[in-house]
Amino acid sequence: MDPITVELRGEFIELNQLLKLAGLCDSGGQGKQLVAEGRVKVDGQVELRKTCKIREGQEVLFEGRTVRVVAG
């Protein structure tokens, strides 16, 4: 599958909100749960911080889908 590209509107976006914005979950709360369960990777490493700040150039992986973060 093609990567999902998300444009930043500021300096960063919190991981749980990125998952929601990319359409990989229905809410920020669900995004927090997915992160807490260890199901999300940031730049190839499992990330357990629900509100980890994701910046331009980083990649998030969830269930085989890649989200690329680019400057807005």
C-alpha atoms as a PDB file:
ATOM      1  CA  MET A   1       0.000   0.000   0.000  1.00  0.00           C
ATOM      2  CA  ASP A   2       1.076   3.556  -0.632  1.00  0.00           C
ATOM      3  CA  PRO A   3       2.190   5.615   2.363  1.00  0.00           C
ATOM      4  CA  ILE A   4      -0.197   8.129   3.880  1.00  0.00           C
ATOM      5  CA  THR A   5       1.234  11.648   3.789  1.00  0.00           C
ATOM      6  CA  VAL A   6       0.272  14.098   6.526  1.00  0.00           C
ATOM      7  CA  GLU A   7       1.214  17.770   6.346  1.00  0.00           C
ATOM      8  CA  LEU A   8       2.130  19.478   9.594  1.00  0.00           C
ATOM      9  CA  ARG A   9       0.370  22.712  10.483  1.00  0.00           C
ATOM     10  CA  GLY A  10       2.858  23.532  13.225  1.00  0.00           C
ATOM     11  CA  GLU A  11       6.186  22.304  14.543  1.00  0.00           C
ATOM     12  CA  PHE A  12       4.857  18.872  15.577  1.00  0.00           C
ATOM     13  CA  ILE A  13       1.761  16.704  16.048  1.00  0.00           C
ATOM     14  CA  GLU A  14       1.126  14.315  18.925  1.00  0.00           C
ATOM     15  CA  LEU A  15       1.291  10.656  17.919  1.00  0.00           C
ATOM     16  CA  ASN A  16      -2.259   9.781  18.973  1.00  0.00           C
ATOM     17  CA  GLN A  17      -3.629  12.744  16.988  1.00  0.00           C
ATOM     18  CA  LEU A  18      -1.555  11.782  13.943  1.00  0.00           C
ATOM     19  CA  LEU A  19      -3.122   8.324  13.926  1.00  0.00           C
ATOM     20  CA  LYS A  20      -6.566   9.930  13.989  1.00  0.00           C
ATOM     21  CA  LEU A  21      -5.714  12.492  11.288  1.00  0.00           C
ATOM     22  CA  ALA A  22      -4.301   9.762   9.035  1.00  0.00           C
ATOM     23  CA  GLY A  23      -7.548   7.810   9.366  1.00  0.00           C
ATOM     24  CA  LEU A  24      -5.956   4.860  11.147  1.00  0.00           C
ATOM     25  CA  CYS A  25      -8.245   5.158  14.169  1.00  0.00           C
ATOM     26  CA  ASP A  26     -11.521   6.866  15.037  1.00  0.00           C
ATOM     27  CA  SER A  27     -10.412   9.097  17.909  1.00  0.00           C
ATOM     28  CA  GLY A  28      -7.425  10.422  19.814  1.00  0.00           C
ATOM     29  CA  GLY A  29      -8.424   8.169  22.710  1.00  0.00           C
ATOM     30  CA  GLN A  30      -8.323   5.112  20.505  1.00  0.00           C
ATOM     31  CA  GLY A  31      -4.946   6.293  19.207  1.00  0.00           C
ATOM     32  CA  LYS A  32      -3.644   6.469  22.784  1.00  0.00           C
ATOM     33  CA  GLN A  33      -4.800   2.914  23.397  1.00  0.00           C
ATOM     34  CA  LEU A  34      -3.076   1.614  20.250  1.00  0.00           C
ATOM     35  CA  VAL A  35       0.176   3.290  21.287  1.00  0.00           C
ATOM     36  CA  ALA A  36      -0.088   1.989  24.869  1.00  0.00           C
ATOM     37  CA  GLU A  37      -0.512  -1.550  23.499  1.00  0.00           C
ATOM     38  CA  GLY A  38       2.815  -1.241  21.661  1.00  0.00           C
ATOM     39  CA  ARG A  39       1.209  -1.491  18.206  1.00  0.00           C
ATOM     40  CA  VAL A  40       2.765   1.683  16.758  1.00  0.00           C
ATOM     41  CA  LYS A  41       6.343   2.260  15.592  1.00  0.00           C
ATOM     42  CA  VAL A  42       8.053   5.602  15.021  1.00  0.00           C
ATOM     43  CA  ASP A  43      11.121   5.515  12.796  1.00  0.00           C
ATOM     44  CA  GLY A  44      11.294   1.730  13.171  1.00  0.00           C
ATOM     45  CA  GLN A  45      11.065   1.614  16.993  1.00  0.00           C
ATOM     46  CA  VAL A  46       8.044   0.746  19.127  1.00  0.00           C
ATOM     47  CA  GLU A  47       6.779   3.969  20.705  1.00  0.00           C
ATOM     48  CA  LEU A  48       4.871   3.806  23.993  1.00  0.00           C
ATOM     49  CA  ARG A  49       4.513   7.551  24.654  1.00  0.00           C
ATOM     50  CA  LYS A  50       0.953   8.345  23.588  1.00  0.00           C
ATOM     51  CA  THR A  51       1.610  12.046  23.048  1.00  0.00           C
ATOM     52  CA  CYS A  52       5.086  11.668  21.563  1.00  0.00           C
ATOM     53  CA  LYS A  53       5.822  14.700  19.368  1.00  0.00           C
ATOM     54  CA  ILE A  54       6.095  13.700  15.723  1.00  0.00           C
ATOM     55  CA  ARG A  55       7.994  16.128  13.518  1.00  0.00           C
ATOM     56  CA  GLU A  56       8.673  16.592   9.804  1.00  0.00           C
ATOM     57  CA  GLY A  57      10.588  13.716   8.244  1.00  0.00           C
ATOM     58  CA  GLN A  58       9.480  11.048  10.713  1.00  0.00           C
ATOM     59  CA  GLU A  59       7.634   7.888   9.722  1.00  0.00           C
ATOM     60  CA  VAL A  60       4.974   6.105  11.727  1.00  0.00           C
ATOM     61  CA  LEU A  61       4.057   2.475  11.096  1.00  0.00           C
ATOM     62  CA  PHE A  62       0.787   0.888  12.227  1.00  0.00           C
ATOM     63  CA  GLU A  63      -0.556  -2.471  11.027  1.00  0.00           C
ATOM     64  CA  GLY A  64       1.375  -2.371   7.774  1.00  0.00           C
ATOM     65  CA  ARG A  65       0.468   1.248   6.956  1.00  0.00           C
ATOM     66  CA  THR A  66       3.162   3.904   6.834  1.00  0.00           C
ATOM     67  CA  VAL A  67       2.463   7.540   7.639  1.00  0.00           C
ATOM     68  CA  ARG A  68       4.999  10.097   6.411  1.00  0.00           C
ATOM     69  CA  VAL A  69       5.043  13.524   8.018  1.00  0.00           C
ATOM     70  CA  VAL A  70       5.936  16.463   5.786  1.00  0.00           C
ATOM     71  CA  ALA A  71       6.058  20.234   6.282  1.00  0.00           C
ATOM     72  CA  GLY A  72       2.758  21.985   5.587  1.00  0.00           C
END
